[in-house]
Amino acid sequence: KNTVYLQMNSLKPEDTAVYYCAARARLCRVW
């Protein structure tokens, strides 16, 4: 489906935010 999902359970008020997805080559990085 060319799609990535974020399943969010047990949500808390502090999870309130704008959520973004982003792409980079192959490997994950924190920056």
PDB file of all heavy atoms in Angstrom:
ATOM      1  N   LYS A   1       0.811  -1.213   0.000  1.00  0.00           N
ATOM      2  CA  LYS A   1       0.000   0.000   0.000  1.00  0.00           C
ATOM      3  C   LYS A   1       0.844   1.261   0.000  1.00  0.00           C
ATOM      4  O   LYS A   1       0.293   2.369  -0.002  1.00  0.00           O
ATOM      5  CB  LYS A   1      -0.948   0.011   1.198  1.00  0.00           C
ATOM      6  CG  LYS A   1      -2.024  -1.061   1.156  1.00  0.00           C
ATOM      7  CD  LYS A   1      -2.942  -0.939   2.357  1.00  0.00           C
ATOM      8  CE  LYS A   1      -4.168  -1.823   2.223  1.00  0.00           C
ATOM      9  NZ  LYS A   1      -3.819  -3.254   2.160  1.00  0.00           N
ATOM     10  N   ASN A   2       2.165   1.104   0.042  1.00  0.00           N
ATOM     11  CA  ASN A   2       3.087   2.236   0.067  1.00  0.00           C
ATOM     12  C   ASN A   2       2.764   3.170   1.236  1.00  0.00           C
ATOM     13  O   ASN A   2       2.779   4.398   1.103  1.00  0.00           O
ATOM     14  CB  ASN A   2       3.054   3.002  -1.256  1.00  0.00           C
ATOM     15  CG  ASN A   2       4.425   3.485  -1.693  1.00  0.00           C
ATOM     16  OD1 ASN A   2       5.445   2.883  -1.364  1.00  0.00           O
ATOM     17  ND2 ASN A   2       4.461   4.576  -2.440  1.00  0.00           N
ATOM     18  N   THR A   3       2.503   2.563   2.379  1.00  0.00           N
ATOM     19  CA  THR A   3       2.018   3.298   3.534  1.00  0.00           C
ATOM     20  C   THR A   3       2.699   2.808   4.807  1.00  0.00           C
ATOM     21  O   THR A   3       2.942   1.613   4.977  1.00  0.00           O
ATOM     22  CB  THR A   3       0.494   3.145   3.673  1.00  0.00           C
ATOM     23  OG1 THR A   3      -0.138   3.642   2.490  1.00  0.00           O
ATOM     24  CG2 THR A   3      -0.033   3.906   4.870  1.00  0.00           C
ATOM     25  N   VAL A   4       2.988   3.745   5.688  1.00  0.00           N
ATOM     26  CA  VAL A   4       3.480   3.461   7.027  1.00  0.00           C
ATOM     27  C   VAL A   4       2.433   3.930   8.018  1.00  0.00           C
ATOM     28  O   VAL A   4       1.803   4.978   7.832  1.00  0.00           O
ATOM     29  CB  VAL A   4       4.836   4.137   7.284  1.00  0.00           C
ATOM     30  CG1 VAL A   4       5.220   4.057   8.757  1.00  0.00           C
ATOM     31  CG2 VAL A   4       5.913   3.480   6.433  1.00  0.00           C
ATOM     32  N   TYR A   5       2.256   3.157   9.078  1.00  0.00           N
ATOM     33  CA  TYR A   5       1.241   3.445  10.066  1.00  0.00           C
ATOM     34  C   TYR A   5       1.867   3.716  11.428  1.00  0.00           C
ATOM     35  O   TYR A   5       2.927   3.198  11.768  1.00  0.00           O
ATOM     36  CB  TYR A   5       0.270   2.270  10.209  1.00  0.00           C
ATOM     37  CG  TYR A   5      -0.409   1.888   8.925  1.00  0.00           C
ATOM     38  CD1 TYR A   5       0.074   0.830   8.155  1.00  0.00           C
ATOM     39  CD2 TYR A   5      -1.522   2.582   8.474  1.00  0.00           C
ATOM     40  CE1 TYR A   5      -0.544   0.476   6.975  1.00  0.00           C
ATOM     41  CE2 TYR A   5      -2.145   2.236   7.293  1.00  0.00           C
ATOM     42  CZ  TYR A   5      -1.657   1.182   6.544  1.00  0.00           C
ATOM     43  OH  TYR A   5      -2.265   0.830   5.370  1.00  0.00           O
ATOM     44  N   LEU A   6       1.184   4.522  12.192  1.00  0.00           N
ATOM     45  CA  LEU A   6       1.516   4.710  13.597  1.00  0.00           C
ATOM     46  C   LEU A   6       0.260   4.396  14.399  1.00  0.00           C
ATOM     47  O   LEU A   6      -0.702   5.159  14.377  1.00  0.00           O
ATOM     48  CB  LEU A   6       1.991   6.136  13.879  1.00  0.00           C
ATOM     49  CG  LEU A   6       2.408   6.416  15.325  1.00  0.00           C
ATOM     50  CD1 LEU A   6       3.648   5.611  15.694  1.00  0.00           C
ATOM     51  CD2 LEU A   6       2.648   7.905  15.546  1.00  0.00           C
ATOM     52  N   GLN A   7       0.281   3.257  15.068  1.00  0.00           N
ATOM     53  CA  GLN A   7      -0.819   2.868  15.933  1.00  0.00           C
ATOM     54  C   GLN A   7      -0.579   3.470  17.309  1.00  0.00           C
ATOM     55  O   GLN A   7       0.451   3.204  17.933  1.00  0.00           O
ATOM     56  CB  GLN A   7      -0.930   1.347  16.027  1.00  0.00           C
ATOM     57  CG  GLN A   7      -2.056   0.855  16.926  1.00  0.00           C
ATOM     58  CD  GLN A   7      -3.426   1.202  16.391  1.00  0.00           C
ATOM     59  OE1 GLN A   7      -3.699   1.003  15.216  1.00  0.00           O
ATOM     60  NE2 GLN A   7      -4.288   1.729  17.257  1.00  0.00           N
ATOM     61  N   MET A   8      -1.518   4.257  17.768  1.00  0.00           N
ATOM     62  CA  MET A   8      -1.387   4.997  19.010  1.00  0.00           C
ATOM     63  C   MET A   8      -2.477   4.525  19.963  1.00  0.00           C
ATOM     64  O   MET A   8      -3.663   4.754  19.726  1.00  0.00           O
ATOM     65  CB  MET A   8      -1.521   6.498  18.759  1.00  0.00           C
ATOM     66  CG  MET A   8      -0.619   7.006  17.635  1.00  0.00           C
ATOM     67  SD  MET A   8      -1.061   8.671  17.069  1.00  0.00           S
ATOM     68  CE  MET A   8      -0.647   9.629  18.516  1.00  0.00           C
ATOM     69  N   ASN A   9      -2.067   3.860  21.029  1.00  0.00           N
ATOM     70  CA  ASN A   9      -2.996   3.345  22.026  1.00  0.00           C
ATOM     71  C   ASN A   9      -2.768   4.037  23.357  1.00  0.00           C
ATOM     72  O   ASN A   9      -1.721   4.631  23.607  1.00  0.00           O
ATOM     73  CB  ASN A   9      -2.816   1.834  22.199  1.00  0.00           C
ATOM     74  CG  ASN A   9      -3.094   1.045  20.935  1.00  0.00           C
ATOM     75  OD1 ASN A   9      -3.964   1.407  20.150  1.00  0.00           O
ATOM     76  ND2 ASN A   9      -2.359  -0.049  20.750  1.00  0.00           N
ATOM     77  N   SER A  10      -3.756   3.926  24.219  1.00  0.00           N
ATOM     78  CA  SER A  10      -3.677   4.492  25.566  1.00  0.00           C
ATOM     79  C   SER A  10      -3.222   5.944  25.533  1.00  0.00           C
ATOM     80  O   SER A  10      -2.323   6.360  26.264  1.00  0.00           O
ATOM     81  CB  SER A  10      -2.736   3.648  26.438  1.00  0.00           C
ATOM     82  OG  SER A  10      -3.173   2.311  26.515  1.00  0.00           O
ATOM     83  N   LEU A  11      -3.857   6.708  24.690  1.00  0.00           N
ATOM     84  CA  LEU A  11      -3.430   8.084  24.468  1.00  0.00           C
ATOM     85  C   LEU A  11      -3.616   8.942  25.706  1.00  0.00           C
ATOM     86  O   LEU A  11      -4.573   8.773  26.466  1.00  0.00           O
ATOM     87  CB  LEU A  11      -4.181   8.679  23.286  1.00  0.00           C
ATOM     88  CG  LEU A  11      -3.668   8.212  21.923  1.00  0.00           C
ATOM     89  CD1 LEU A  11      -4.705   8.454  20.848  1.00  0.00           C
ATOM     90  CD2 LEU A  11      -2.359   8.917  21.583  1.00  0.00           C
ATOM     91  N   LYS A  12      -2.685   9.853  25.876  1.00  0.00           N
ATOM     92  CA  LYS A  12      -2.666  10.769  27.002  1.00  0.00           C
ATOM     93  C   LYS A  12      -2.731  12.203  26.497  1.00  0.00           C
ATOM     94  O   LYS A  12      -2.325  12.484  25.370  1.00  0.00           O
ATOM     95  CB  LYS A  12      -1.376  10.575  27.816  1.00  0.00           C
ATOM     96  CG  LYS A  12      -1.153   9.167  28.314  1.00  0.00           C
ATOM     97  CD  LYS A  12       0.198   9.041  28.999  1.00  0.00           C
ATOM     98  CE  LYS A  12       0.438   7.639  29.499  1.00  0.00           C
ATOM     99  NZ  LYS A  12       1.769   7.516  30.149  1.00  0.00           N
ATOM    100  N   PRO A  13      -3.210  13.125  27.324  1.00  0.00           N
ATOM    101  CA  PRO A  13      -3.241  14.524  26.888  1.00  0.00           C
ATOM    102  C   PRO A  13      -1.888  15.044  26.424  1.00  0.00           C
ATOM    103  O   PRO A  13      -1.838  15.862  25.497  1.00  0.00           O
ATOM    104  CB  PRO A  13      -3.736  15.270  28.131  1.00  0.00           C
ATOM    105  CG  PRO A  13      -4.578  14.263  28.839  1.00  0.00           C
ATOM    106  CD  PRO A  13      -3.884  12.946  28.621  1.00  0.00           C
ATOM    107  N   GLU A  14      -0.812  14.584  27.026  1.00  0.00           N
ATOM    108  CA  GLU A  14       0.509  15.036  26.624  1.00  0.00           C
ATOM    109  C   GLU A  14       0.945  14.521  25.259  1.00  0.00           C
ATOM    110  O   GLU A  14       1.986  14.943  24.739  1.00  0.00           O
ATOM    111  CB  GLU A  14       1.559  14.668  27.685  1.00  0.00           C
ATOM    112  CG  GLU A  14       1.538  13.209  28.093  1.00  0.00           C
ATOM    113  CD  GLU A  14       0.750  12.966  29.377  1.00  0.00           C
ATOM    114  OE1 GLU A  14      -0.353  13.539  29.509  1.00  0.00           O
ATOM    115  OE2 GLU A  14       1.234  12.219  30.243  1.00  0.00           O
ATOM    116  N   ASP A  15       0.172  13.621  24.663  1.00  0.00           N
ATOM    117  CA  ASP A  15       0.432  13.197  23.300  1.00  0.00           C
ATOM    118  C   ASP A  15      -0.108  14.190  22.272  1.00  0.00           C
ATOM    119  O   ASP A  15       0.131  14.016  21.074  1.00  0.00           O
ATOM    120  CB  ASP A  15      -0.190  11.822  23.030  1.00  0.00           C
ATOM    121  CG  ASP A  15       0.427  10.722  23.870  1.00  0.00           C
ATOM    122  OD1 ASP A  15       1.668  10.704  24.023  1.00  0.00           O
ATOM    123  OD2 ASP A  15      -0.330   9.868  24.376  1.00  0.00           O
ATOM    124  N   THR A  16      -0.837  15.180  22.727  1.00  0.00           N
ATOM    125  CA  THR A  16      -1.403  16.172  21.822  1.00  0.00           C
ATOM    126  C   THR A  16      -0.290  16.903  21.081  1.00  0.00           C
ATOM    127  O   THR A  16       0.613  17.470  21.689  1.00  0.00           O
ATOM    128  CB  THR A  16      -2.266  17.168  22.593  1.00  0.00           C
ATOM    129  OG1 THR A  16      -3.383  16.481  23.166  1.00  0.00           O
ATOM    130  CG2 THR A  16      -2.775  18.267  21.679  1.00  0.00           C
ATOM    131  N   ALA A  17      -0.356  16.882  19.767  1.00  0.00           N
ATOM    132  CA  ALA A  17       0.671  17.492  18.937  1.00  0.00           C
ATOM    133  C   ALA A  17       0.254  17.354  17.479  1.00  0.00           C
ATOM    134  O   ALA A  17      -0.690  16.629  17.146  1.00  0.00           O
ATOM    135  CB  ALA A  17       2.033  16.822  19.152  1.00  0.00           C
ATOM    136  N   VAL A  18       0.979  18.041  16.623  1.00  0.00           N
ATOM    137  CA  VAL A  18       0.918  17.761  15.201  1.00  0.00           C
ATOM    138  C   VAL A  18       1.917  16.649  14.920  1.00  0.00           C
ATOM    139  O   VAL A  18       3.088  16.742  15.294  1.00  0.00           O
ATOM    140  CB  VAL A  18       1.235  18.997  14.352  1.00  0.00           C
ATOM    141  CG1 VAL A  18       1.230  18.644  12.864  1.00  0.00           C
ATOM    142  CG2 VAL A  18       0.222  20.103  14.629  1.00  0.00           C
ATOM    143  N   TYR A  19       1.456  15.609  14.271  1.00  0.00           N
ATOM    144  CA  TYR A  19       2.291  14.467  13.958  1.00  0.00           C
ATOM    145  C   TYR A  19       2.680  14.499  12.488  1.00  0.00           C
ATOM    146  O   TYR A  19       1.834  14.674  11.606  1.00  0.00           O
ATOM    147  CB  TYR A  19       1.561  13.158  14.280  1.00  0.00           C
ATOM    148  CG  TYR A  19       1.529  12.857  15.760  1.00  0.00           C
ATOM    149  CD1 TYR A  19       0.728  13.602  16.619  1.00  0.00           C
ATOM    150  CD2 TYR A  19       2.315  11.845  16.303  1.00  0.00           C
ATOM    151  CE1 TYR A  19       0.715  13.341  17.975  1.00  0.00           C
ATOM    152  CE2 TYR A  19       2.296  11.583  17.660  1.00  0.00           C
ATOM    153  CZ  TYR A  19       1.498  12.328  18.495  1.00  0.00           C
ATOM    154  OH  TYR A  19       1.477  12.067  19.843  1.00  0.00           O
ATOM    155  N   TYR A  20       3.964  14.331  12.242  1.00  0.00           N
ATOM    156  CA  TYR A  20       4.520  14.360  10.905  1.00  0.00           C
ATOM    157  C   TYR A  20       5.201  13.041  10.592  1.00  0.00           C
ATOM    158  O   TYR A  20       5.809  12.424  11.465  1.00  0.00           O
ATOM    159  CB  TYR A  20       5.584  15.457  10.768  1.00  0.00           C
ATOM    160  CG  TYR A  20       5.113  16.854  11.044  1.00  0.00           C
ATOM    161  CD1 TYR A  20       5.142  17.377  12.333  1.00  0.00           C
ATOM    162  CD2 TYR A  20       4.665  17.667  10.004  1.00  0.00           C
ATOM    163  CE1 TYR A  20       4.724  18.670  12.585  1.00  0.00           C
ATOM    164  CE2 TYR A  20       4.253  18.962  10.257  1.00  0.00           C
ATOM    165  CZ  TYR A  20       4.286  19.459  11.545  1.00  0.00           C
ATOM    166  OH  TYR A  20       3.879  20.747  11.790  1.00  0.00           O
ATOM    167  N   CYS A  21       5.133  12.635   9.353  1.00  0.00           N
ATOM    168  CA  CYS A  21       6.001  11.568   8.896  1.00  0.00           C
ATOM    169  C   CYS A  21       7.049  12.150   7.963  1.00  0.00           C
ATOM    170  O   CYS A  21       6.849  13.195   7.338  1.00  0.00           O
ATOM    171  CB  CYS A  21       5.233  10.426   8.229  1.00  0.00           C
ATOM    172  SG  CYS A  21       4.387  10.826   6.684  1.00  0.00           S
ATOM    173  N   ALA A  22       8.181  11.483   7.905  1.00  0.00           N
ATOM    174  CA  ALA A  22       9.305  11.958   7.118  1.00  0.00           C
ATOM    175  C   ALA A  22      10.085  10.771   6.584  1.00  0.00           C
ATOM    176  O   ALA A  22      10.091   9.697   7.188  1.00  0.00           O
ATOM    177  CB  ALA A  22      10.210  12.858   7.955  1.00  0.00           C
ATOM    178  N   ALA A  23      10.750  10.982   5.468  1.00  0.00           N
ATOM    179  CA  ALA A  23      11.481   9.914   4.797  1.00  0.00           C
ATOM    180  C   ALA A  23      12.955  10.258   4.670  1.00  0.00           C
ATOM    181  O   ALA A  23      13.324  11.410   4.432  1.00  0.00           O
ATOM    182  CB  ALA A  23      10.893   9.652   3.412  1.00  0.00           C
ATOM    183  N   ARG A  24      13.788   9.253   4.824  1.00  0.00           N
ATOM    184  CA  ARG A  24      15.199   9.341   4.548  1.00  0.00           C
ATOM    185  C   ARG A  24      15.657   8.002   4.024  1.00  0.00           C
ATOM    186  O   ARG A  24      14.913   7.017   4.070  1.00  0.00           O
ATOM    187  CB  ARG A  24      16.003   9.763   5.788  1.00  0.00           C
ATOM    188  CG  ARG A  24      16.050   8.702   6.857  1.00  0.00           C
ATOM    189  CD  ARG A  24      16.816   9.178   8.097  1.00  0.00           C
ATOM    190  NE  ARG A  24      18.089   9.797   7.790  1.00  0.00           N
ATOM    191  CZ  ARG A  24      19.223   9.138   7.495  1.00  0.00           C
ATOM    192  NH1 ARG A  24      19.233   7.804   7.476  1.00  0.00           N
ATOM    193  NH2 ARG A  24      20.328   9.813   7.221  1.00  0.00           N
ATOM    194  N   ALA A  25      16.889   7.936   3.558  1.00  0.00           N
ATOM    195  CA  ALA A  25      17.391   6.711   2.939  1.00  0.00           C
ATOM    196  C   ALA A  25      17.600   5.607   3.959  1.00  0.00           C
ATOM    197  O   ALA A  25      18.372   5.750   4.902  1.00  0.00           O
ATOM    198  CB  ALA A  25      18.694   7.001   2.193  1.00  0.00           C
ATOM    199  N   ARG A  26      16.897   4.547   3.800  1.00  0.00           N
ATOM    200  CA  ARG A  26      17.088   3.227   4.386  1.00  0.00           C
ATOM    201  C   ARG A  26      17.089   3.140   5.905  1.00  0.00           C
ATOM    202  O   ARG A  26      16.300   2.398   6.474  1.00  0.00           O
ATOM    203  CB  ARG A  26      18.365   2.576   3.824  1.00  0.00           C
ATOM    204  CG  ARG A  26      18.258   2.263   2.362  1.00  0.00           C
ATOM    205  CD  ARG A  26      19.490   1.611   1.805  1.00  0.00           C
ATOM    206  NE  ARG A  26      19.296   1.253   0.417  1.00  0.00           N
ATOM    207  CZ  ARG A  26      19.443   2.090  -0.597  1.00  0.00           C
ATOM    208  NH1 ARG A  26      19.777   3.358  -0.376  1.00  0.00           N
ATOM    209  NH2 ARG A  26      19.245   1.673  -1.829  1.00  0.00           N
ATOM    210  N   LEU A  27      17.978   3.874   6.556  1.00  0.00           N
ATOM    211  CA  LEU A  27      18.195   3.710   7.979  1.00  0.00           C
ATOM    212  C   LEU A  27      17.600   4.846   8.780  1.00  0.00           C
ATOM    213  O   LEU A  27      17.580   5.994   8.342  1.00  0.00           O
ATOM    214  CB  LEU A  27      19.693   3.605   8.285  1.00  0.00           C
ATOM    215  CG  LEU A  27      20.446   2.464   7.615  1.00  0.00           C
ATOM    216  CD1 LEU A  27      21.915   2.506   8.012  1.00  0.00           C
ATOM    217  CD2 LEU A  27      19.832   1.120   7.986  1.00  0.00           C
ATOM    218  N   CYS A  28      17.149   4.526   9.977  1.00  0.00           N
ATOM    219  CA  CYS A  28      16.574   5.517  10.866  1.00  0.00           C
ATOM    220  C   CYS A  28      17.656   6.353  11.529  1.00  0.00           C
ATOM    221  O   CYS A  28      18.730   5.861  11.859  1.00  0.00           O
ATOM    222  CB  CYS A  28      15.722   4.844  11.934  1.00  0.00           C
ATOM    223  SG  CYS A  28      14.213   4.074  11.313  1.00  0.00           S
ATOM    224  N   ARG A  29      17.336   7.604  11.740  1.00  0.00           N
ATOM    225  CA  ARG A  29      18.173   8.531  12.479  1.00  0.00           C
ATOM    226  C   ARG A  29      17.286   9.393  13.350  1.00  0.00           C
ATOM    227  O   ARG A  29      16.141   9.664  13.018  1.00  0.00           O
ATOM    228  CB  ARG A  29      18.998   9.418  11.542  1.00  0.00           C
ATOM    229  CG  ARG A  29      20.010   8.667  10.679  1.00  0.00           C
ATOM    230  CD  ARG A  29      21.183   8.163  11.499  1.00  0.00           C
ATOM    231  NE  ARG A  29      22.214   7.562  10.665  1.00  0.00           N
ATOM    232  CZ  ARG A  29      22.275   6.276  10.341  1.00  0.00           C
ATOM    233  NH1 ARG A  29      21.344   5.440  10.782  1.00  0.00           N
ATOM    234  NH2 ARG A  29      23.259   5.828   9.580  1.00  0.00           N
ATOM    235  N   VAL A  30      17.832   9.850  14.454  1.00  0.00           N
ATOM    236  CA  VAL A  30      17.051  10.638  15.394  1.00  0.00           C
ATOM    237  C   VAL A  30      16.934  12.096  14.965  1.00  0.00           C
ATOM    238  O   VAL A  30      16.025  12.796  15.407  1.00  0.00           O
ATOM    239  CB  VAL A  30      17.644  10.525  16.815  1.00  0.00           C
ATOM    240  CG1 VAL A  30      18.981  11.264  16.916  1.00  0.00           C
ATOM    241  CG2 VAL A  30      16.657  11.018  17.861  1.00  0.00           C
ATOM    242  N   TRP A  31      17.813  12.557  14.106  1.00  0.00           N
ATOM    243  CA  TRP A  31      17.876  13.985  13.781  1.00  0.00           C
ATOM    244  C   TRP A  31      16.909  14.339  12.659  1.00  0.00           C
ATOM    245  O   TRP A  31      17.036  13.850  11.525  1.00  0.00           O
ATOM    246  CB  TRP A  31      19.300  14.370  13.370  1.00  0.00           C
ATOM    247  CG  TRP A  31      20.328  13.931  14.356  1.00  0.00           C
ATOM    248  CD1 TRP A  31      20.574  14.459  15.583  1.00  0.00           C
ATOM    249  CD2 TRP A  31      21.256  12.855  14.194  1.00  0.00           C
ATOM    250  NE1 TRP A  31      21.605  13.780  16.201  1.00  0.00           N
ATOM    251  CE2 TRP A  31      22.037  12.793  15.373  1.00  0.00           C
ATOM    252  CE3 TRP A  31      21.501  11.935  13.163  1.00  0.00           C
ATOM    253  CZ2 TRP A  31      23.045  11.854  15.552  1.00  0.00           C
ATOM    254  CZ3 TRP A  31      22.509  10.992  13.350  1.00  0.00           C
ATOM    255  CH2 TRP A  31      23.265  10.961  14.524  1.00  0.00           C
TER     256      TRP A  31
END
